[in-house]
Amino acid sequence: RPTQRPGVVVRPANPRPARPTQRPGVVQPTQLRCRIGSSVVPRGGLLTITGSGLSGATVRIGGIVSPVVSNTDRMIQAQAAGGSGAVTVAAGGRRANCGNVRVMGR
């Protein structure tokens, strides 16, 4: 048993916390990233959103759910049915802000 001298602080060899290790067979979630193809879209027109982790995502424009016409992991095409504002994408419990769009027309 080592003896400690008065006034000497003993620190562990590695004070940094251990990093979590990836377990075999566990798939890490893909980060959700996106950006809009245009900042102005006609009402009823298609808004193209590109990025990653977009498979199965839902789209909101200005807080209003927009119908998704086409969807892959890297691209979404959603119909601009609602008002203007922030374009948000949600998938797998994750959410991302893609930018702002202005919906023009009736």
N, C-alpha and C. Protein backbone atom coordinates (compact mmCIF):
# COMPACT_ATOMS: atom_id res chain seq x y z
N ARG A 1 0.84 -1.17 0.00
CA ARG A 1 0.00 0.00 0.00
C ARG A 1 0.89 1.24 0.00
N PRO A 2 0.72 2.13 -1.03
CA PRO A 2 1.59 3.31 -1.09
C PRO A 2 1.21 4.30 0.01
N THR A 3 2.20 4.98 0.47
CA THR A 3 1.94 6.01 1.49
C THR A 3 1.84 7.35 0.80
N GLN A 4 1.02 8.21 1.34
CA GLN A 4 0.82 9.53 0.75
C GLN A 4 1.46 10.57 1.66
N ARG A 5 2.23 11.42 1.05
CA ARG A 5 2.88 12.48 1.82
C ARG A 5 1.90 13.62 2.02
N PRO A 6 1.97 14.31 3.13
CA PRO A 6 1.08 15.45 3.37
C PRO A 6 1.27 16.52 2.28
N GLY A 7 0.16 17.08 1.79
CA GLY A 7 0.19 18.13 0.79
C GLY A 7 0.34 17.63 -0.64
N VAL A 8 0.43 16.33 -0.86
CA VAL A 8 0.57 15.77 -2.20
C VAL A 8 -0.77 15.19 -2.62
N VAL A 9 -1.25 15.59 -3.78
CA VAL A 9 -2.53 15.10 -4.30
C VAL A 9 -2.24 14.02 -5.33
N VAL A 10 -2.84 12.87 -5.15
CA VAL A 10 -2.67 11.77 -6.09
C VAL A 10 -3.83 11.81 -7.07
N ARG A 11 -3.50 11.89 -8.36
CA ARG A 11 -4.52 11.93 -9.42
C ARG A 11 -4.45 10.65 -10.22
N PRO A 12 -5.59 10.23 -10.79
CA PRO A 12 -5.55 9.03 -11.63
C PRO A 12 -4.71 9.29 -12.88
N ALA A 13 -4.20 8.23 -13.47
CA ALA A 13 -3.34 8.35 -14.64
C ALA A 13 -4.05 9.00 -15.82
N ASN A 14 -5.35 8.74 -15.99
CA ASN A 14 -6.10 9.30 -17.11
C ASN A 14 -7.35 9.99 -16.56
N PRO A 15 -7.29 11.32 -16.36
CA PRO A 15 -8.44 12.00 -15.76
C PRO A 15 -9.64 12.18 -16.70
N ARG A 16 -9.44 11.94 -18.01
CA ARG A 16 -10.54 12.09 -18.95
C ARG A 16 -11.51 10.92 -18.83
N PRO A 17 -12.82 11.19 -18.98
CA PRO A 17 -13.78 10.07 -18.92
C PRO A 17 -13.63 9.15 -20.13
N ALA A 18 -13.95 7.92 -19.93
CA ALA A 18 -13.85 6.94 -21.02
C ALA A 18 -14.88 7.26 -22.10
N ARG A 19 -14.50 7.04 -23.34
CA ARG A 19 -15.43 7.24 -24.46
C ARG A 19 -16.29 5.99 -24.59
N PRO A 20 -17.57 6.19 -24.91
CA PRO A 20 -18.41 5.01 -25.12
C PRO A 20 -17.94 4.24 -26.36
N THR A 21 -17.97 2.96 -26.29
CA THR A 21 -17.56 2.14 -27.43
C THR A 21 -18.80 1.65 -28.16
N GLN A 22 -18.66 1.47 -29.45
CA GLN A 22 -19.77 0.97 -30.25
C GLN A 22 -19.84 -0.54 -30.10
N ARG A 23 -21.01 -1.02 -29.74
CA ARG A 23 -21.21 -2.46 -29.57
C ARG A 23 -21.47 -3.10 -30.92
N PRO A 24 -20.97 -4.31 -31.13
CA PRO A 24 -21.22 -5.00 -32.39
C PRO A 24 -22.72 -5.20 -32.61
N GLY A 25 -23.15 -4.98 -33.85
CA GLY A 25 -24.56 -5.18 -34.17
C GLY A 25 -25.45 -3.99 -33.88
N VAL A 26 -24.92 -2.95 -33.23
CA VAL A 26 -25.72 -1.76 -32.92
C VAL A 26 -25.44 -0.71 -33.99
N VAL A 27 -26.48 -0.28 -34.67
CA VAL A 27 -26.35 0.71 -35.73
C VAL A 27 -26.51 2.10 -35.12
N GLN A 28 -25.54 2.94 -35.34
CA GLN A 28 -25.61 4.31 -34.85
C GLN A 28 -26.56 5.10 -35.75
N PRO A 29 -27.44 5.95 -35.17
CA PRO A 29 -28.38 6.69 -36.00
C PRO A 29 -27.66 7.70 -36.91
N THR A 30 -28.19 7.84 -38.12
CA THR A 30 -27.64 8.80 -39.06
C THR A 30 -28.06 10.19 -38.63
N GLN A 31 -27.14 11.12 -38.70
CA GLN A 31 -27.47 12.48 -38.35
C GLN A 31 -28.39 13.06 -39.42
N LEU A 32 -29.39 13.80 -38.99
CA LEU A 32 -30.35 14.41 -39.90
C LEU A 32 -29.84 15.78 -40.32
N ARG A 33 -29.58 15.93 -41.61
CA ARG A 33 -29.11 17.21 -42.16
C ARG A 33 -29.93 17.53 -43.39
N CYS A 34 -30.21 18.83 -43.60
CA CYS A 34 -31.01 19.19 -44.77
C CYS A 34 -30.81 20.64 -45.15
N ARG A 35 -31.18 20.92 -46.42
CA ARG A 35 -31.25 22.30 -46.90
C ARG A 35 -32.21 22.34 -48.07
N ILE A 36 -32.85 23.49 -48.22
CA ILE A 36 -33.86 23.63 -49.26
C ILE A 36 -33.21 24.03 -50.57
N GLY A 37 -33.86 23.64 -51.69
CA GLY A 37 -33.34 23.94 -53.02
C GLY A 37 -33.68 25.33 -53.50
N SER A 38 -34.72 25.94 -52.93
CA SER A 38 -35.15 27.27 -53.36
C SER A 38 -35.80 27.99 -52.19
N SER A 39 -35.66 29.30 -52.14
CA SER A 39 -36.27 30.06 -51.04
C SER A 39 -37.66 30.58 -51.40
N VAL A 40 -38.07 30.41 -52.67
CA VAL A 40 -39.41 30.81 -53.11
C VAL A 40 -40.01 29.66 -53.91
N VAL A 41 -41.26 29.28 -53.56
CA VAL A 41 -41.95 28.17 -54.22
C VAL A 41 -43.40 28.58 -54.46
N PRO A 42 -43.97 28.26 -55.62
CA PRO A 42 -45.39 28.55 -55.84
C PRO A 42 -46.27 27.63 -54.98
N ARG A 43 -47.39 28.15 -54.50
CA ARG A 43 -48.33 27.32 -53.72
C ARG A 43 -48.74 26.12 -54.57
N GLY A 44 -48.62 24.94 -54.01
CA GLY A 44 -48.93 23.72 -54.72
C GLY A 44 -47.73 23.14 -55.46
N GLY A 45 -46.65 23.93 -55.57
CA GLY A 45 -45.44 23.47 -56.24
C GLY A 45 -44.62 22.56 -55.35
N LEU A 46 -43.57 21.99 -55.93
CA LEU A 46 -42.72 21.07 -55.19
C LEU A 46 -41.49 21.78 -54.64
N LEU A 47 -41.22 21.55 -53.38
CA LEU A 47 -40.02 22.04 -52.73
C LEU A 47 -39.05 20.87 -52.61
N THR A 48 -37.85 21.02 -53.15
CA THR A 48 -36.84 19.97 -53.06
C THR A 48 -35.95 20.24 -51.86
N ILE A 49 -35.79 19.21 -51.03
CA ILE A 49 -34.95 19.27 -49.84
C ILE A 49 -33.87 18.21 -49.99
N THR A 50 -32.61 18.60 -49.87
CA THR A 50 -31.52 17.64 -49.97
C THR A 50 -30.80 17.55 -48.63
N GLY A 51 -30.09 16.45 -48.43
CA GLY A 51 -29.35 16.28 -47.19
C GLY A 51 -29.02 14.82 -46.95
N SER A 52 -29.08 14.41 -45.69
CA SER A 52 -28.82 13.01 -45.33
C SER A 52 -29.70 12.61 -44.15
N GLY A 53 -30.01 11.33 -44.09
CA GLY A 53 -30.88 10.82 -43.03
C GLY A 53 -32.33 11.18 -43.23
N LEU A 54 -32.74 11.46 -44.48
CA LEU A 54 -34.09 11.96 -44.76
C LEU A 54 -35.12 10.86 -45.00
N SER A 55 -34.72 9.61 -45.07
CA SER A 55 -35.64 8.53 -45.37
C SER A 55 -36.77 8.46 -44.35
N GLY A 56 -38.00 8.45 -44.85
CA GLY A 56 -39.18 8.36 -43.98
C GLY A 56 -39.52 9.64 -43.23
N ALA A 57 -38.94 10.76 -43.64
CA ALA A 57 -39.13 12.02 -42.93
C ALA A 57 -40.47 12.67 -43.23
N THR A 58 -40.92 13.49 -42.30
CA THR A 58 -42.08 14.35 -42.51
C THR A 58 -41.58 15.78 -42.67
N VAL A 59 -42.34 16.60 -43.39
CA VAL A 59 -41.92 17.97 -43.69
C VAL A 59 -42.99 18.94 -43.20
N ARG A 60 -42.53 20.02 -42.61
CA ARG A 60 -43.42 21.12 -42.23
C ARG A 60 -42.88 22.41 -42.83
N ILE A 61 -43.79 23.19 -43.40
CA ILE A 61 -43.44 24.51 -43.91
C ILE A 61 -44.27 25.51 -43.11
N GLY A 62 -43.58 26.37 -42.38
CA GLY A 62 -44.28 27.33 -41.53
C GLY A 62 -45.16 26.66 -40.49
N GLY A 63 -44.76 25.48 -40.03
CA GLY A 63 -45.51 24.75 -39.02
C GLY A 63 -46.63 23.90 -39.55
N ILE A 64 -46.90 23.95 -40.86
CA ILE A 64 -47.98 23.18 -41.48
C ILE A 64 -47.39 21.96 -42.18
N VAL A 65 -47.95 20.79 -41.91
CA VAL A 65 -47.46 19.55 -42.53
C VAL A 65 -47.66 19.64 -44.05
N SER A 66 -46.60 19.31 -44.79
CA SER A 66 -46.65 19.32 -46.25
C SER A 66 -46.59 17.89 -46.76
N PRO A 67 -47.44 17.55 -47.74
CA PRO A 67 -47.43 16.20 -48.30
C PRO A 67 -46.09 15.89 -48.98
N VAL A 68 -45.52 14.74 -48.63
CA VAL A 68 -44.26 14.30 -49.25
C VAL A 68 -44.60 13.49 -50.49
N VAL A 69 -44.08 13.93 -51.63
CA VAL A 69 -44.35 13.29 -52.92
C VAL A 69 -43.31 12.22 -53.23
N SER A 70 -42.04 12.52 -52.88
CA SER A 70 -40.93 11.61 -53.14
C SER A 70 -39.98 11.68 -51.96
N ASN A 71 -39.42 10.51 -51.57
CA ASN A 71 -38.56 10.50 -50.40
C ASN A 71 -37.48 9.43 -50.52
N THR A 72 -36.22 9.84 -50.38
CA THR A 72 -35.09 8.91 -50.28
C THR A 72 -34.25 9.36 -49.09
N ASP A 73 -33.15 8.69 -48.83
CA ASP A 73 -32.28 9.08 -47.72
C ASP A 73 -31.63 10.43 -47.97
N ARG A 74 -31.46 10.81 -49.24
CA ARG A 74 -30.74 12.04 -49.59
C ARG A 74 -31.60 13.16 -50.17
N MET A 75 -32.89 12.87 -50.50
CA MET A 75 -33.73 13.91 -51.10
C MET A 75 -35.20 13.70 -50.79
N ILE A 76 -35.89 14.82 -50.56
CA ILE A 76 -37.34 14.82 -50.37
C ILE A 76 -37.92 15.86 -51.33
N GLN A 77 -39.07 15.53 -51.90
CA GLN A 77 -39.85 16.52 -52.63
C GLN A 77 -41.19 16.60 -51.91
N ALA A 78 -41.50 17.79 -51.42
CA ALA A 78 -42.74 18.01 -50.68
C ALA A 78 -43.55 19.10 -51.36
N GLN A 79 -44.86 18.95 -51.32
CA GLN A 79 -45.75 19.93 -51.93
C GLN A 79 -45.94 21.11 -50.98
N ALA A 80 -45.76 22.31 -51.49
CA ALA A 80 -45.90 23.52 -50.69
C ALA A 80 -47.39 23.86 -50.58
N ALA A 81 -48.04 23.24 -49.62
CA ALA A 81 -49.49 23.40 -49.47
C ALA A 81 -49.87 24.53 -48.53
N GLY A 82 -48.99 24.86 -47.60
CA GLY A 82 -49.33 25.84 -46.57
C GLY A 82 -48.67 27.17 -46.77
N GLY A 83 -48.46 27.83 -45.64
CA GLY A 83 -47.88 29.17 -45.66
C GLY A 83 -46.38 29.16 -45.72
N SER A 84 -45.82 30.35 -45.66
CA SER A 84 -44.38 30.54 -45.70
C SER A 84 -43.78 30.37 -44.31
N GLY A 85 -42.47 30.18 -44.26
CA GLY A 85 -41.78 30.11 -42.98
C GLY A 85 -40.68 29.08 -42.97
N ALA A 86 -40.34 28.64 -41.77
CA ALA A 86 -39.25 27.68 -41.58
C ALA A 86 -39.64 26.31 -42.13
N VAL A 87 -38.71 25.67 -42.81
CA VAL A 87 -38.91 24.32 -43.31
C VAL A 87 -38.20 23.39 -42.33
N THR A 88 -38.98 22.52 -41.68
CA THR A 88 -38.40 21.57 -40.74
C THR A 88 -38.69 20.15 -41.21
N VAL A 89 -37.73 19.27 -40.95
CA VAL A 89 -37.83 17.87 -41.33
C VAL A 89 -37.68 17.05 -40.05
N ALA A 90 -38.51 16.03 -39.89
CA ALA A 90 -38.42 15.16 -38.72
C ALA A 90 -38.39 13.71 -39.17
N ALA A 91 -37.46 12.94 -38.59
CA ALA A 91 -37.34 11.52 -38.91
C ALA A 91 -36.70 10.80 -37.74
N GLY A 92 -37.27 9.69 -37.33
CA GLY A 92 -36.68 8.86 -36.30
C GLY A 92 -36.44 9.58 -34.99
N GLY A 93 -37.34 10.47 -34.59
CA GLY A 93 -37.18 11.21 -33.35
C GLY A 93 -36.20 12.37 -33.43
N ARG A 94 -35.67 12.63 -34.61
CA ARG A 94 -34.74 13.75 -34.82
C ARG A 94 -35.43 14.82 -35.63
N ARG A 95 -35.00 16.05 -35.47
CA ARG A 95 -35.59 17.18 -36.19
C ARG A 95 -34.48 18.11 -36.66
N ALA A 96 -34.66 18.68 -37.86
CA ALA A 96 -33.68 19.61 -38.41
C ALA A 96 -34.38 20.77 -39.09
N ASN A 97 -33.80 21.94 -39.00
CA ASN A 97 -34.30 23.12 -39.69
C ASN A 97 -33.52 23.25 -40.98
N CYS A 98 -34.24 23.29 -42.12
CA CYS A 98 -33.60 23.29 -43.44
C CYS A 98 -33.46 24.68 -44.04
N GLY A 99 -34.07 25.68 -43.45
CA GLY A 99 -34.04 27.04 -44.00
C GLY A 99 -35.45 27.60 -44.04
N ASN A 100 -35.59 28.77 -44.63
CA ASN A 100 -36.89 29.43 -44.73
C ASN A 100 -37.32 29.50 -46.20
N VAL A 101 -38.62 29.36 -46.42
CA VAL A 101 -39.16 29.42 -47.77
C VAL A 101 -40.37 30.35 -47.78
N ARG A 102 -40.57 30.99 -48.92
CA ARG A 102 -41.74 31.86 -49.12
C ARG A 102 -42.61 31.18 -50.16
N VAL A 103 -43.85 30.88 -49.77
CA VAL A 103 -44.80 30.23 -50.67
C VAL A 103 -45.63 31.33 -51.32
N MET A 104 -45.59 31.37 -52.65
CA MET A 104 -46.27 32.44 -53.41
C MET A 104 -47.55 31.92 -54.07
N GLY A 105 -48.52 32.80 -54.27
CA GLY A 105 -49.74 32.45 -55.00
C GLY A 105 -50.91 32.19 -54.09
N ARG A 106 -52.01 31.76 -54.70
CA ARG A 106 -53.24 31.55 -53.96
C ARG A 106 -53.16 30.40 -53.03
